[in-house]
Structures are given as structure tokens and as C-alpha cells.
Amino acid sequence: MPRAFTLIELLIAVIIIAIVAALALPMFSDRDGDRLTAAKHRLWADIQYAQAWTIANPSSPARIRFLENGYVIEGPPDGGAVRFDSGGFAEASGVKLSVSDVPADGIPFSHSGALSVGLDAPEPRIHLSTEGGVESVDLVLQPTSGQIRLEKQTPTP
């Protein structure tokens, strides 16, 4: 005698499939925003680390020098390069980085955590964007205090 599925068994199977789909679906979605957020948080934390290192070790100040696809923290012994690619900081792979009003040798910090640039120097701006350029943010450093300001860029139609 053939046995059929009961309504309860079918409902449980549908619920399990829905849960698995809900967990798997974000893995297949566009993650550009997540990558941009990861890059922004990592860079923000590393700038604060370089400032704190310089305050604690004024005889060995930190500097952040920018590369084509990342940056280097110079000064602290545990500093180093952070690259936004699969061989580096993979969570932010594909994020594009560009800078403006940043000295050629990078952003130096003073013993107070401020930038070691002139008082009338423009605010260094670090621009992070997704590969398609759809989403982007700017981290802007205030030269006299070293404070970081976040400016979200809106795409132009």
C-alpha cells in the first residue's frame, strides 16, 4: 500500500527549505556595500591606531602612506601593508582607494595625534569606492586635531 506525505511533513519540509534559502541568499547578493563598509572601518581603525601609537611613542611617530590599492602603516613594529584585494584584506577586495590633499610621503602624525602638516594645510581626503563606482565614501582628516570625518558620496545620475 503506497504511503503519502502528510500535511505536517510537507509544511516542515517547506519551512526547512525557506530557512536554508534565507541563509544562503545573501551569499549570492551584491556585496559591494559590505566591502566598502569593511574597507572604511579598517582604514578608520588604522588611522586611529597610528595616532595612538604616535601619542604613546612620540620619538617614533607613525605615518600612513597610500598605495594604488591600499596603504602602509609606517612606524609601529606591527604596522605593515593593507591591500584591498584577495591577497590582502579580502573582506574589502575590489574597493578602489584614491587620495587628495595628502602629502606625497603620506600622512604623518604629531605627538598629539594631529597631523604633522602646516596649520593652513588642506584637509587630506581619502576616497573609497566600489569597483563600479556606485557607492563611495570619503574619510576627511582635520589637520589641527587629527579628527576623522566621514562624508558619504551620493552617485550622480
Protein backbone atom coordinates (compact mmCIF):
# COMPACT_ATOMS: atom_id res chain seq x y z
CA MET A 1 0.00 0.00 0.00
CA PRO A 2 1.55 3.35 -1.06
CA ARG A 3 2.13 5.89 1.68
CA ALA A 4 1.69 9.65 1.00
CA PHE A 5 3.22 12.62 2.80
CA THR A 6 1.09 14.25 5.47
CA LEU A 7 0.38 17.96 5.54
CA ILE A 8 2.64 18.37 8.58
CA GLU A 9 5.57 16.68 6.82
CA LEU A 10 5.14 18.93 3.78
CA LEU A 11 4.96 22.07 5.95
CA ILE A 12 8.11 21.11 7.83
CA ALA A 13 9.94 20.48 4.53
CA VAL A 14 8.83 23.87 3.15
CA ILE A 15 9.92 25.63 6.36
CA ILE A 16 13.37 23.97 6.22
CA ILE A 17 13.80 24.95 2.56
CA ALA A 18 12.77 28.54 3.36
CA ILE A 19 15.28 28.77 6.23
CA VAL A 20 18.12 27.39 4.08
CA ALA A 21 17.22 29.81 1.26
CA ALA A 22 17.11 32.77 3.67
CA LEU A 23 20.58 31.91 4.95
CA ALA A 24 22.09 31.24 1.52
CA LEU A 25 20.54 34.11 -0.45
CA PRO A 26 22.75 36.90 1.00
CA MET A 27 25.83 34.99 -0.17
CA PHE A 28 24.70 35.42 -3.76
CA SER A 29 23.69 39.07 -3.50
CA ASP A 30 25.75 42.12 -4.40
CA ARG A 31 28.25 42.69 -1.61
CA ASP A 32 29.82 45.94 -2.81
CA GLY A 33 28.33 47.86 0.11
CA ASP A 34 29.69 45.32 2.59
CA ARG A 35 33.17 45.54 1.06
CA LEU A 36 33.08 49.32 1.17
CA THR A 37 31.99 49.26 4.81
CA ALA A 38 34.77 46.81 5.70
CA ALA A 39 37.39 49.00 3.99
CA LYS A 40 36.06 52.14 5.68
CA HIS A 41 36.11 50.57 9.16
CA ARG A 42 39.57 49.08 8.68
CA LEU A 43 41.06 52.35 7.44
CA TRP A 44 39.35 54.36 10.21
CA ALA A 45 40.70 51.96 12.86
CA ASP A 46 44.21 52.02 11.38
CA ILE A 47 44.28 55.83 11.34
CA GLN A 48 43.26 55.85 14.99
CA TYR A 49 45.89 53.21 15.74
CA ALA A 50 48.61 55.30 14.05
CA GLN A 51 47.52 58.35 16.07
CA ALA A 52 47.51 56.38 19.35
CA TRP A 53 50.89 54.85 18.56
CA THR A 54 52.39 58.28 17.93
CA ILE A 55 50.94 59.70 21.15
CA ALA A 56 52.39 56.76 23.12
CA ASN A 57 55.72 56.77 21.21
CA PRO A 58 56.48 60.38 20.19
CA SER A 59 60.09 59.50 19.35
CA SER A 60 58.85 57.02 16.72
CA PRO A 61 55.89 58.71 15.03
CA ALA A 62 53.59 56.79 12.71
CA ARG A 63 52.82 57.67 9.12
CA ILE A 64 50.25 56.29 6.71
CA ARG A 65 51.43 56.11 3.12
CA PHE A 66 48.91 55.29 0.40
CA LEU A 67 49.35 52.79 -2.39
CA GLU A 68 47.30 52.14 -5.51
CA ASN A 69 45.07 49.57 -3.83
CA GLY A 70 45.72 50.09 -0.12
CA TYR A 71 48.08 51.72 2.35
CA VAL A 72 51.10 51.13 4.57
CA ILE A 73 51.37 51.98 8.26
CA GLU A 74 54.95 53.03 8.92
CA GLY A 75 56.44 53.44 12.39
CA PRO A 76 54.86 50.83 14.65
CA PRO A 77 56.66 47.47 14.57
CA ASP A 78 53.36 45.67 13.96
CA GLY A 79 52.34 48.05 11.18
CA GLY A 80 52.51 47.00 7.58
CA ALA A 81 50.66 46.99 4.31
CA VAL A 82 46.91 46.66 3.97
CA ARG A 83 45.80 45.86 0.43
CA PHE A 84 42.20 45.78 -0.71
CA ASP A 85 42.46 42.61 -2.78
CA SER A 86 42.09 38.87 -2.38
CA GLY A 87 45.75 38.55 -1.34
CA GLY A 88 45.42 41.18 1.37
CA PHE A 89 42.31 42.35 3.24
CA ALA A 90 39.96 40.08 1.28
CA GLU A 91 36.82 41.40 3.00
CA ALA A 92 37.36 44.64 1.09
CA SER A 93 38.65 43.19 -2.17
CA GLY A 94 37.87 45.33 -5.16
CA VAL A 95 37.48 48.60 -3.23
CA LYS A 96 39.24 51.44 -5.00
CA LEU A 97 41.25 53.96 -2.98
CA SER A 98 42.31 57.44 -4.04
CA VAL A 99 43.56 60.41 -2.06
CA SER A 100 43.63 64.16 -2.44
CA ASP A 101 45.50 66.82 -0.46
CA VAL A 102 47.71 64.11 1.04
CA PRO A 103 51.46 64.80 1.18
CA ALA A 104 53.48 62.70 -1.28
CA ASP A 105 55.18 60.82 1.55
CA GLY A 106 51.89 60.06 3.33
CA ILE A 107 50.06 61.37 6.37
CA PRO A 108 52.43 61.96 9.31
CA PHE A 109 51.16 62.30 12.87
CA SER A 110 52.48 64.55 15.63
CA HIS A 111 52.94 63.73 19.31
CA SER A 112 49.36 64.97 19.99
CA GLY A 113 47.73 62.78 17.32
CA ALA A 114 47.20 65.71 14.97
CA LEU A 115 48.69 65.71 11.51
CA SER A 116 52.28 66.90 11.12
CA VAL A 117 51.42 69.32 8.34
CA GLY A 118 51.17 73.08 8.31
CA LEU A 119 48.32 74.85 10.08
CA ASP A 120 46.96 76.15 6.78
CA ALA A 121 47.25 72.75 5.04
CA PRO A 122 44.12 71.46 3.31
CA GLU A 123 42.23 68.56 4.82
CA PRO A 124 43.53 65.24 3.50
CA ARG A 125 40.70 63.32 1.83
CA ILE A 126 40.73 59.53 1.35
CA HIS A 127 38.16 58.37 -1.19
CA LEU A 128 36.93 54.77 -1.11
CA SER A 129 34.61 53.47 -3.82
CA THR A 130 33.22 50.23 -5.16
CA GLU A 131 34.51 48.84 -8.44
CA GLY A 132 31.56 50.18 -10.38
CA GLY A 133 31.76 53.50 -8.54
CA VAL A 134 28.12 53.19 -7.49
CA GLU A 135 28.85 53.66 -3.80
CA SER A 136 31.62 55.71 -2.23
CA VAL A 137 32.68 57.40 0.98
CA ASP A 138 35.34 59.94 1.89
CA LEU A 139 37.31 59.96 5.12
CA VAL A 140 38.47 63.52 5.75
CA LEU A 141 41.14 64.28 8.36
CA GLN A 142 41.18 67.58 10.20
CA PRO A 143 44.87 68.65 10.20
CA THR A 144 44.99 70.51 13.52
CA SER A 145 43.20 67.88 15.62
CA GLY A 146 43.54 64.64 13.65
CA GLN A 147 39.81 64.03 13.91
CA ILE A 148 38.26 61.93 11.17
CA ARG A 149 35.05 62.99 9.44
CA LEU A 150 33.02 60.68 7.23
CA GLU A 151 31.36 62.07 4.13
CA LYS A 152 29.12 59.74 2.16
CA GLN A 153 29.11 60.42 -1.54
CA THR A 154 25.90 60.08 -3.48
CA PRO A 155 26.08 58.78 -7.03
CA THR A 156 25.31 61.24 -9.78
CA PRO A 157 22.62 60.15 -12.25
